[in-house]
Amino acid sequence: MVSSRIDRIEQNKVYVHFIDSGNCEIITDSSCLTKSPSNFIQLATQVREFELVYIKPSINEDDRQKVKRVLNDKINNEEYLLNIEYRYQDVKYISLYNEGTKDNLAKLVIKYGLIMVNQVKRQQKQ
């Protein structure tokens, strides 16, 4: 079973957000949708959403997909330590450090030239 939520329904389109993987999909064939068993609905979501601190994603969709592939490859195949740097408007901004090398994941992706550094104003931090 896949954890997901329906973001909205418009005409014959169902906008689904897959929580475990983070991707979204538009479903036009409602016959492939099913209701979760009641005992699964009671389970708390096992995945948490965070933002990587101090990075600014590219506006180019190809670059965004490259970053996603690099991050998924790194995160899925290695162990990372998570540090919550700050919270702002119910979003937790984090740093991820490779457990073995202590390398910062965001710095690695910046080095590839796929994302840019985002300057955060002091008054925004909580």
N, C-alpha and C. Protein backbone atom coordinates (compact mmCIF):
# COMPACT_ATOMS: atom_id res chain seq x y z
N MET A 1 0.84 -1.17 0.00
CA MET A 1 0.00 0.00 0.00
C MET A 1 0.89 1.24 0.00
N VAL A 2 0.48 2.24 -0.71
CA VAL A 2 1.22 3.48 -0.85
C VAL A 2 0.51 4.57 -0.08
N SER A 3 1.26 5.34 0.71
CA SER A 3 0.68 6.47 1.43
C SER A 3 0.48 7.62 0.46
N SER A 4 -0.74 8.13 0.40
CA SER A 4 -1.03 9.24 -0.50
C SER A 4 -2.18 10.06 0.06
N ARG A 5 -2.34 11.23 -0.53
CA ARG A 5 -3.49 12.05 -0.17
C ARG A 5 -4.00 12.70 -1.45
N ILE A 6 -5.27 12.96 -1.49
CA ILE A 6 -5.86 13.64 -2.63
C ILE A 6 -5.81 15.14 -2.32
N ASP A 7 -5.10 15.87 -3.16
CA ASP A 7 -4.98 17.32 -2.96
C ASP A 7 -6.22 18.05 -3.42
N ARG A 8 -6.76 17.64 -4.58
CA ARG A 8 -7.98 18.26 -5.08
C ARG A 8 -8.56 17.42 -6.22
N ILE A 9 -9.82 17.68 -6.51
CA ILE A 9 -10.50 17.01 -7.61
C ILE A 9 -11.12 18.10 -8.47
N GLU A 10 -10.80 18.07 -9.75
CA GLU A 10 -11.34 19.04 -10.71
C GLU A 10 -11.85 18.28 -11.92
N GLN A 11 -13.11 18.40 -12.18
CA GLN A 11 -13.78 17.71 -13.29
C GLN A 11 -13.45 16.22 -13.20
N ASN A 12 -12.78 15.66 -14.19
CA ASN A 12 -12.45 14.23 -14.15
C ASN A 12 -10.99 13.98 -13.76
N LYS A 13 -10.35 14.96 -13.13
CA LYS A 13 -8.95 14.83 -12.73
C LYS A 13 -8.82 14.79 -11.21
N VAL A 14 -8.08 13.81 -10.72
CA VAL A 14 -7.81 13.69 -9.29
C VAL A 14 -6.32 13.96 -9.10
N TYR A 15 -5.98 14.98 -8.31
CA TYR A 15 -4.60 15.35 -8.06
C TYR A 15 -4.14 14.65 -6.78
N VAL A 16 -3.21 13.70 -6.95
CA VAL A 16 -2.77 12.85 -5.85
C VAL A 16 -1.32 13.17 -5.51
N HIS A 17 -1.06 13.32 -4.21
CA HIS A 17 0.29 13.53 -3.70
C HIS A 17 0.72 12.24 -3.00
N PHE A 18 1.78 11.60 -3.50
CA PHE A 18 2.29 10.38 -2.90
C PHE A 18 3.27 10.77 -1.79
N ILE A 19 2.86 10.55 -0.57
CA ILE A 19 3.59 11.04 0.60
C ILE A 19 4.96 10.39 0.73
N ASP A 20 5.05 9.09 0.53
CA ASP A 20 6.32 8.38 0.73
C ASP A 20 7.40 8.82 -0.24
N SER A 21 7.04 9.08 -1.50
CA SER A 21 8.04 9.44 -2.49
C SER A 21 8.09 10.93 -2.79
N GLY A 22 7.04 11.67 -2.43
CA GLY A 22 7.03 13.11 -2.64
C GLY A 22 6.53 13.55 -3.99
N ASN A 23 6.28 12.62 -4.89
CA ASN A 23 5.83 13.03 -6.22
C ASN A 23 4.31 13.20 -6.26
N CYS A 24 3.85 13.88 -7.30
CA CYS A 24 2.42 14.12 -7.50
C CYS A 24 2.02 13.55 -8.86
N GLU A 25 0.76 13.21 -8.97
CA GLU A 25 0.27 12.65 -10.21
C GLU A 25 -1.18 13.07 -10.41
N ILE A 26 -1.55 13.24 -11.66
CA ILE A 26 -2.94 13.54 -12.01
C ILE A 26 -3.55 12.25 -12.53
N ILE A 27 -4.59 11.78 -11.86
CA ILE A 27 -5.27 10.55 -12.23
C ILE A 27 -6.54 10.90 -12.99
N THR A 28 -6.69 10.35 -14.18
CA THR A 28 -7.90 10.59 -14.96
C THR A 28 -8.81 9.37 -15.00
N ASP A 29 -8.26 8.22 -14.62
CA ASP A 29 -9.05 6.98 -14.58
C ASP A 29 -9.34 6.64 -13.13
N SER A 30 -10.51 7.04 -12.66
CA SER A 30 -10.83 6.85 -11.24
C SER A 30 -11.00 5.38 -10.86
N SER A 31 -11.08 4.48 -11.83
CA SER A 31 -11.21 3.06 -11.50
C SER A 31 -9.93 2.49 -10.87
N CYS A 32 -8.82 3.20 -11.01
CA CYS A 32 -7.57 2.71 -10.40
C CYS A 32 -7.42 3.22 -8.96
N LEU A 33 -8.35 4.00 -8.48
CA LEU A 33 -8.32 4.48 -7.10
C LEU A 33 -9.14 3.58 -6.20
N THR A 34 -8.70 3.43 -4.97
CA THR A 34 -9.43 2.63 -4.01
C THR A 34 -9.35 3.29 -2.64
N LYS A 35 -10.31 3.02 -1.82
CA LYS A 35 -10.31 3.56 -0.47
C LYS A 35 -9.44 2.67 0.42
N SER A 36 -8.68 3.31 1.30
CA SER A 36 -7.83 2.56 2.23
C SER A 36 -8.69 1.85 3.27
N PRO A 37 -8.28 0.65 3.68
CA PRO A 37 -9.00 -0.03 4.76
C PRO A 37 -9.00 0.84 6.02
N SER A 38 -10.05 0.77 6.81
CA SER A 38 -10.20 1.64 7.98
C SER A 38 -9.05 1.49 8.97
N ASN A 39 -8.49 0.29 9.11
CA ASN A 39 -7.37 0.12 10.05
C ASN A 39 -6.09 0.80 9.54
N PHE A 40 -5.97 1.06 8.26
CA PHE A 40 -4.82 1.79 7.73
C PHE A 40 -5.00 3.29 7.87
N ILE A 41 -6.22 3.75 7.80
CA ILE A 41 -6.49 5.18 7.91
C ILE A 41 -6.08 5.69 9.29
N GLN A 42 -6.18 4.84 10.29
CA GLN A 42 -5.86 5.24 11.66
C GLN A 42 -4.36 5.35 11.91
N LEU A 43 -3.54 4.80 11.03
CA LEU A 43 -2.09 4.88 11.20
C LEU A 43 -1.61 6.31 10.93
N ALA A 44 -0.71 6.78 11.75
CA ALA A 44 -0.12 8.10 11.52
C ALA A 44 0.81 8.03 10.32
N THR A 45 0.93 9.13 9.60
CA THR A 45 1.85 9.19 8.48
C THR A 45 3.27 8.92 8.96
N GLN A 46 3.98 8.08 8.25
CA GLN A 46 5.33 7.70 8.65
C GLN A 46 6.40 8.61 8.03
N VAL A 47 6.03 9.43 7.08
CA VAL A 47 6.97 10.29 6.37
C VAL A 47 6.77 11.73 6.83
N ARG A 48 7.84 12.46 6.96
CA ARG A 48 7.78 13.88 7.32
C ARG A 48 8.38 14.70 6.19
N GLU A 49 7.81 15.86 5.96
CA GLU A 49 8.33 16.75 4.92
C GLU A 49 9.20 17.83 5.55
N PHE A 50 10.35 18.08 4.92
CA PHE A 50 11.29 19.09 5.35
C PHE A 50 11.77 19.86 4.12
N GLU A 51 12.40 20.98 4.37
CA GLU A 51 13.09 21.74 3.32
C GLU A 51 14.57 21.74 3.68
N LEU A 52 15.43 21.56 2.67
CA LEU A 52 16.86 21.69 2.92
C LEU A 52 17.17 23.17 3.13
N VAL A 53 17.92 23.46 4.16
CA VAL A 53 18.22 24.82 4.54
C VAL A 53 19.19 25.47 3.54
N TYR A 54 18.98 26.75 3.30
CA TYR A 54 19.89 27.61 2.53
C TYR A 54 20.05 27.22 1.07
N ILE A 55 19.10 26.51 0.48
CA ILE A 55 19.21 26.23 -0.94
C ILE A 55 18.01 26.80 -1.68
N LYS A 56 18.23 27.12 -2.93
CA LYS A 56 17.18 27.67 -3.78
C LYS A 56 17.11 26.79 -5.02
N PRO A 57 16.01 26.06 -5.20
CA PRO A 57 15.90 25.19 -6.36
C PRO A 57 15.90 25.98 -7.66
N SER A 58 16.37 25.37 -8.69
CA SER A 58 16.37 25.99 -10.02
C SER A 58 14.94 26.12 -10.52
N ILE A 59 14.70 27.12 -11.35
CA ILE A 59 13.38 27.24 -11.98
C ILE A 59 13.27 26.31 -13.19
N ASN A 60 14.41 25.78 -13.64
CA ASN A 60 14.44 24.87 -14.78
C ASN A 60 14.01 23.48 -14.33
N GLU A 61 12.95 22.95 -14.93
CA GLU A 61 12.40 21.65 -14.53
C GLU A 61 13.39 20.51 -14.72
N ASP A 62 14.20 20.54 -15.78
CA ASP A 62 15.21 19.49 -15.98
C ASP A 62 16.21 19.47 -14.84
N ASP A 63 16.65 20.66 -14.41
CA ASP A 63 17.59 20.74 -13.28
C ASP A 63 16.94 20.23 -12.00
N ARG A 64 15.67 20.56 -11.81
CA ARG A 64 14.96 20.10 -10.61
C ARG A 64 14.89 18.58 -10.58
N GLN A 65 14.66 17.96 -11.73
CA GLN A 65 14.61 16.50 -11.80
C GLN A 65 15.98 15.88 -11.55
N LYS A 66 17.04 16.52 -12.04
CA LYS A 66 18.41 16.03 -11.78
C LYS A 66 18.70 16.07 -10.28
N VAL A 67 18.34 17.17 -9.64
CA VAL A 67 18.55 17.30 -8.20
C VAL A 67 17.79 16.21 -7.46
N LYS A 68 16.56 15.99 -7.84
CA LYS A 68 15.74 14.96 -7.20
C LYS A 68 16.40 13.59 -7.33
N ARG A 69 16.92 13.28 -8.53
CA ARG A 69 17.59 11.98 -8.73
C ARG A 69 18.84 11.86 -7.87
N VAL A 70 19.65 12.92 -7.83
CA VAL A 70 20.87 12.90 -7.03
C VAL A 70 20.53 12.72 -5.55
N LEU A 71 19.56 13.51 -5.06
CA LEU A 71 19.17 13.41 -3.65
C LEU A 71 18.60 12.03 -3.32
N ASN A 72 17.74 11.52 -4.18
CA ASN A 72 17.18 10.19 -3.94
C ASN A 72 18.26 9.13 -3.92
N ASP A 73 19.21 9.21 -4.86
CA ASP A 73 20.30 8.24 -4.91
C ASP A 73 21.13 8.29 -3.64
N LYS A 74 21.48 9.48 -3.22
CA LYS A 74 22.31 9.63 -2.01
C LYS A 74 21.56 9.19 -0.75
N ILE A 75 20.35 9.70 -0.58
CA ILE A 75 19.59 9.44 0.64
C ILE A 75 19.18 7.98 0.74
N ASN A 76 18.82 7.37 -0.38
CA ASN A 76 18.34 5.99 -0.34
C ASN A 76 19.46 4.97 -0.15
N ASN A 77 20.69 5.35 -0.42
CA ASN A 77 21.79 4.39 -0.37
C ASN A 77 22.79 4.63 0.74
N GLU A 78 22.59 5.68 1.52
CA GLU A 78 23.52 6.00 2.59
C GLU A 78 22.73 6.46 3.82
N GLU A 79 23.39 6.46 4.97
CA GLU A 79 22.73 6.93 6.18
C GLU A 79 23.12 8.38 6.44
N TYR A 80 22.12 9.17 6.85
CA TYR A 80 22.33 10.60 7.09
C TYR A 80 21.83 10.99 8.47
N LEU A 81 22.50 11.99 9.01
CA LEU A 81 22.07 12.60 10.27
C LEU A 81 21.28 13.86 9.90
N LEU A 82 20.17 14.07 10.57
CA LEU A 82 19.30 15.20 10.29
C LEU A 82 19.42 16.21 11.42
N ASN A 83 19.63 17.47 11.06
CA ASN A 83 19.67 18.54 12.05
C ASN A 83 18.65 19.60 11.65
N ILE A 84 17.70 19.90 12.53
CA ILE A 84 16.73 20.97 12.27
C ILE A 84 17.42 22.29 12.58
N GLU A 85 17.65 23.09 11.54
CA GLU A 85 18.35 24.37 11.69
C GLU A 85 17.41 25.45 12.24
N TYR A 86 16.19 25.51 11.70
CA TYR A 86 15.19 26.45 12.20
C TYR A 86 13.82 26.07 11.64
N ARG A 87 12.80 26.70 12.19
CA ARG A 87 11.42 26.53 11.73
C ARG A 87 10.90 27.90 11.29
N TYR A 88 10.11 27.89 10.21
CA TYR A 88 9.49 29.13 9.75
C TYR A 88 8.16 28.77 9.10
N GLN A 89 7.08 29.35 9.59
CA GLN A 89 5.73 29.12 9.07
C GLN A 89 5.43 27.63 8.93
N ASP A 90 5.60 26.89 10.01
CA ASP A 90 5.31 25.46 10.08
C ASP A 90 6.16 24.58 9.16
N VAL A 91 7.23 25.13 8.62
CA VAL A 91 8.15 24.34 7.80
C VAL A 91 9.45 24.18 8.58
N LYS A 92 9.96 22.96 8.63
CA LYS A 92 11.24 22.71 9.28
C LYS A 92 12.34 22.70 8.21
N TYR A 93 13.34 23.55 8.41
CA TYR A 93 14.47 23.65 7.50
C TYR A 93 15.62 22.87 8.11
N ILE A 94 16.16 21.92 7.35
CA ILE A 94 17.13 20.98 7.90
C ILE A 94 18.44 20.95 7.12
N SER A 95 19.45 20.42 7.77
CA SER A 95 20.70 20.03 7.13
C SER A 95 20.80 18.52 7.26
N LEU A 96 21.34 17.88 6.23
CA LEU A 96 21.58 16.44 6.26
C LEU A 96 23.08 16.21 6.13
N TYR A 97 23.63 15.40 7.03
CA TYR A 97 25.05 15.10 7.04
C TYR A 97 25.25 13.60 6.89
N ASN A 98 26.14 13.22 5.96
CA ASN A 98 26.46 11.81 5.80
C ASN A 98 27.03 11.29 7.10
N GLU A 99 26.47 10.20 7.60
CA GLU A 99 26.88 9.70 8.91
C GLU A 99 28.36 9.30 8.94
N GLY A 100 28.86 8.75 7.86
CA GLY A 100 30.25 8.30 7.83
C GLY A 100 31.26 9.41 7.58
N THR A 101 30.98 10.26 6.57
CA THR A 101 31.95 11.28 6.18
C THR A 101 31.67 12.65 6.79
N LYS A 102 30.46 12.84 7.32
CA LYS A 102 29.99 14.13 7.88
C LYS A 102 29.84 15.20 6.81
N ASP A 103 29.83 14.80 5.52
CA ASP A 103 29.61 15.75 4.43
C ASP A 103 28.18 16.26 4.45
N ASN A 104 28.01 17.55 4.19
CA ASN A 104 26.69 18.18 4.13
C ASN A 104 26.10 17.90 2.75
N LEU A 105 24.91 17.31 2.71
CA LEU A 105 24.29 16.92 1.45
C LEU A 105 24.00 18.13 0.56
N ALA A 106 23.52 19.22 1.12
CA ALA A 106 23.23 20.42 0.32
C ALA A 106 24.50 20.95 -0.35
N LYS A 107 25.61 20.96 0.38
CA LYS A 107 26.87 21.45 -0.20
C LYS A 107 27.31 20.57 -1.36
N LEU A 108 27.06 19.27 -1.26
CA LEU A 108 27.40 18.36 -2.34
C LEU A 108 26.61 18.69 -3.60
N VAL A 109 25.31 18.94 -3.45
CA VAL A 109 24.47 19.25 -4.60
C VAL A 109 24.80 20.63 -5.17
N ILE A 110 25.16 21.58 -4.30
CA ILE A 110 25.60 22.89 -4.76
C ILE A 110 26.87 22.74 -5.59
N LYS A 111 27.78 21.87 -5.14
CA LYS A 111 29.03 21.64 -5.87
C LYS A 111 28.77 21.13 -7.28
N TYR A 112 27.71 20.32 -7.46
CA TYR A 112 27.34 19.84 -8.78
C TYR A 112 26.78 20.95 -9.66
N GLY A 113 26.45 22.11 -9.07
CA GLY A 113 25.92 23.23 -9.81
C GLY A 113 24.45 23.11 -10.14
N LEU A 114 23.74 22.26 -9.41
CA LEU A 114 22.33 22.01 -9.70
C LEU A 114 21.38 22.90 -8.90
N ILE A 115 21.87 23.49 -7.82
CA ILE A 115 21.05 24.39 -7.01
C ILE A 115 21.90 25.58 -6.62
N MET A 116 21.24 26.59 -6.08
CA MET A 116 21.95 27.80 -5.66
C MET A 116 21.74 28.01 -4.17
N VAL A 117 22.61 28.81 -3.57
CA VAL A 117 22.48 29.15 -2.16
C VAL A 117 21.39 30.19 -2.01
N ASN A 118 20.53 30.01 -1.02
CA ASN A 118 19.45 30.93 -0.74
C ASN A 118 19.77 31.67 0.55
N GLN A 119 19.90 32.97 0.47
CA GLN A 119 20.17 33.78 1.66
C GLN A 119 18.88 33.96 2.43
N VAL A 120 18.89 33.65 3.71
CA VAL A 120 17.70 33.78 4.55
C VAL A 120 17.88 34.99 5.45
N LYS A 121 16.87 35.86 5.48
CA LYS A 121 16.93 37.04 6.33
C LYS A 121 16.78 36.63 7.78
N ARG A 122 17.51 37.25 8.67
CA ARG A 122 17.49 36.91 10.09
C ARG A 122 16.10 36.97 10.70
N GLN A 123 15.27 37.98 10.32
CA GLN A 123 13.97 38.12 10.94
C GLN A 123 13.02 36.97 10.55
N GLN A 124 13.32 36.21 9.51
CA GLN A 124 12.48 35.09 9.13
C GLN A 124 12.68 33.88 10.02
N LYS A 125 13.84 33.77 10.62
CA LYS A 125 14.13 32.58 11.44
C LYS A 125 13.33 32.63 12.72
N GLN A 126 12.92 31.42 13.17
CA GLN A 126 12.22 31.31 14.44
C GLN A 126 12.96 30.36 15.32
